[in-house]
Amino acid sequence: MIMHFARIDDLYVVASEALDRPLWGLDFRALLNAVAAEHPTLVPVARQTTQGKTGNLVLQRIAPISRA
């Protein structure tokens, strides 16, 4: 499942097919908590990383797009 996270001016937005609608807010942590509360099955299960650490979130950083 893919979730998109963005910051637009002072607002954060979370969008995904799994969500009924995009979520907007000033507090990024509060948005993450809202996603987890609405969809507890989306919270990833901990797994062993290649470095031997326990991790449960994979981030793919994409170059930011800025306004001219």
C-alpha atoms as a PDB file:
ATOM      1  CA  MET A   1       0.000   0.000   0.000  1.00  0.00           C
ATOM      2  CA  ILE A   2       1.299   3.439  -0.870  1.00  0.00           C
ATOM      3  CA  MET A   3       0.630   6.604   1.104  1.00  0.00           C
ATOM      4  CA  HIS A   4       1.629  10.044  -0.096  1.00  0.00           C
ATOM      5  CA  PHE A   5       2.821  12.633   2.422  1.00  0.00           C
ATOM      6  CA  ALA A   6       3.368  16.254   1.480  1.00  0.00           C
ATOM      7  CA  ARG A   7       3.842  19.639   3.034  1.00  0.00           C
ATOM      8  CA  ILE A   8       2.116  22.519   1.283  1.00  0.00           C
ATOM      9  CA  ASP A   9       2.991  25.851   2.853  1.00  0.00           C
ATOM     10  CA  ASP A  10       2.197  25.305   6.562  1.00  0.00           C
ATOM     11  CA  LEU A  11      -0.124  22.320   6.049  1.00  0.00           C
ATOM     12  CA  TYR A  12       0.642  18.613   5.832  1.00  0.00           C
ATOM     13  CA  VAL A  13      -1.424  16.310   3.646  1.00  0.00           C
ATOM     14  CA  VAL A  14      -1.739  12.515   3.636  1.00  0.00           C
ATOM     15  CA  ALA A  15      -3.394  10.820   0.658  1.00  0.00           C
ATOM     16  CA  SER A  16      -3.902   7.175  -0.231  1.00  0.00           C
ATOM     17  CA  GLU A  17      -6.386   4.825  -1.874  1.00  0.00           C
ATOM     18  CA  ALA A  18      -6.832   3.351   1.600  1.00  0.00           C
ATOM     19  CA  LEU A  19      -8.221   6.639   2.944  1.00  0.00           C
ATOM     20  CA  ASP A  20     -11.736   7.903   2.250  1.00  0.00           C
ATOM     21  CA  ARG A  21     -10.356  11.389   1.676  1.00  0.00           C
ATOM     22  CA  PRO A  22      -7.041  13.233   1.960  1.00  0.00           C
ATOM     23  CA  LEU A  23      -6.199  14.281   5.507  1.00  0.00           C
ATOM     24  CA  TRP A  24      -4.921  17.833   6.096  1.00  0.00           C
ATOM     25  CA  GLY A  25      -3.458  19.410   9.225  1.00  0.00           C
ATOM     26  CA  LEU A  26      -0.798  21.523  10.882  1.00  0.00           C
ATOM     27  CA  ASP A  27       0.611  18.687  13.029  1.00  0.00           C
ATOM     28  CA  PHE A  28       2.283  15.817  11.131  1.00  0.00           C
ATOM     29  CA  ARG A  29       2.278  13.486  14.152  1.00  0.00           C
ATOM     30  CA  ALA A  30      -1.456  14.108  14.678  1.00  0.00           C
ATOM     31  CA  LEU A  31      -2.101  13.134  11.046  1.00  0.00           C
ATOM     32  CA  LEU A  32      -0.161   9.894  11.469  1.00  0.00           C
ATOM     33  CA  ASN A  33      -2.122   9.144  14.638  1.00  0.00           C
ATOM     34  CA  ALA A  34      -5.401   9.838  12.797  1.00  0.00           C
ATOM     35  CA  VAL A  35      -4.455   7.396  10.017  1.00  0.00           C
ATOM     36  CA  ALA A  36      -3.516   4.727  12.572  1.00  0.00           C
ATOM     37  CA  ALA A  37      -6.734   5.280  14.540  1.00  0.00           C
ATOM     38  CA  GLU A  38      -8.989   5.162  11.458  1.00  0.00           C
ATOM     39  CA  HIS A  39      -7.228   2.192   9.867  1.00  0.00           C
ATOM     40  CA  PRO A  40      -5.417   0.081  12.482  1.00  0.00           C
ATOM     41  CA  THR A  41      -4.821  -2.658   9.893  1.00  0.00           C
ATOM     42  CA  LEU A  42      -2.557  -0.261   7.973  1.00  0.00           C
ATOM     43  CA  VAL A  43      -0.026  -0.113  10.811  1.00  0.00           C
ATOM     44  CA  PRO A  44       2.900  -2.206   9.543  1.00  0.00           C
ATOM     45  CA  VAL A  45       4.140  -5.277  11.345  1.00  0.00           C
ATOM     46  CA  ALA A  46       7.696  -5.089  12.686  1.00  0.00           C
ATOM     47  CA  ARG A  47      10.253  -6.997  10.617  1.00  0.00           C
ATOM     48  CA  GLN A  48      13.999  -7.569  10.653  1.00  0.00           C
ATOM     49  CA  THR A  49      16.023  -5.241   8.411  1.00  0.00           C
ATOM     50  CA  THR A  50      19.144  -6.217   6.480  1.00  0.00           C
ATOM     51  CA  GLN A  51      21.194  -4.464   9.192  1.00  0.00           C
ATOM     52  CA  GLY A  52      19.696  -6.745  11.855  1.00  0.00           C
ATOM     53  CA  LYS A  53      17.505  -4.010  13.345  1.00  0.00           C
ATOM     54  CA  THR A  54      13.764  -4.175  13.805  1.00  0.00           C
ATOM     55  CA  GLY A  55      11.955  -1.806  11.487  1.00  0.00           C
ATOM     56  CA  ASN A  56       8.382  -1.418  10.356  1.00  0.00           C
ATOM     57  CA  LEU A  57       8.343   1.514   7.987  1.00  0.00           C
ATOM     58  CA  VAL A  58       9.952   1.904   4.604  1.00  0.00           C
ATOM     59  CA  LEU A  59      10.357   5.416   3.218  1.00  0.00           C
ATOM     60  CA  GLN A  60      11.200   6.258  -0.336  1.00  0.00           C
ATOM     61  CA  ARG A  61      12.431   9.804  -0.562  1.00  0.00           C
ATOM     62  CA  ILE A  62      11.486  11.623  -3.721  1.00  0.00           C
ATOM     63  CA  ALA A  63      13.048  14.910  -4.710  1.00  0.00           C
ATOM     64  CA  PRO A  64      10.928  17.831  -3.516  1.00  0.00           C
ATOM     65  CA  ILE A  65       9.117  19.914  -6.061  1.00  0.00           C
ATOM     66  CA  SER A  66       9.407  23.615  -5.352  1.00  0.00           C
ATOM     67  CA  ARG A  67       7.620  26.610  -6.713  1.00  0.00           C
ATOM     68  CA  ALA A  68       9.536  29.088  -8.829  1.00  0.00           C
END
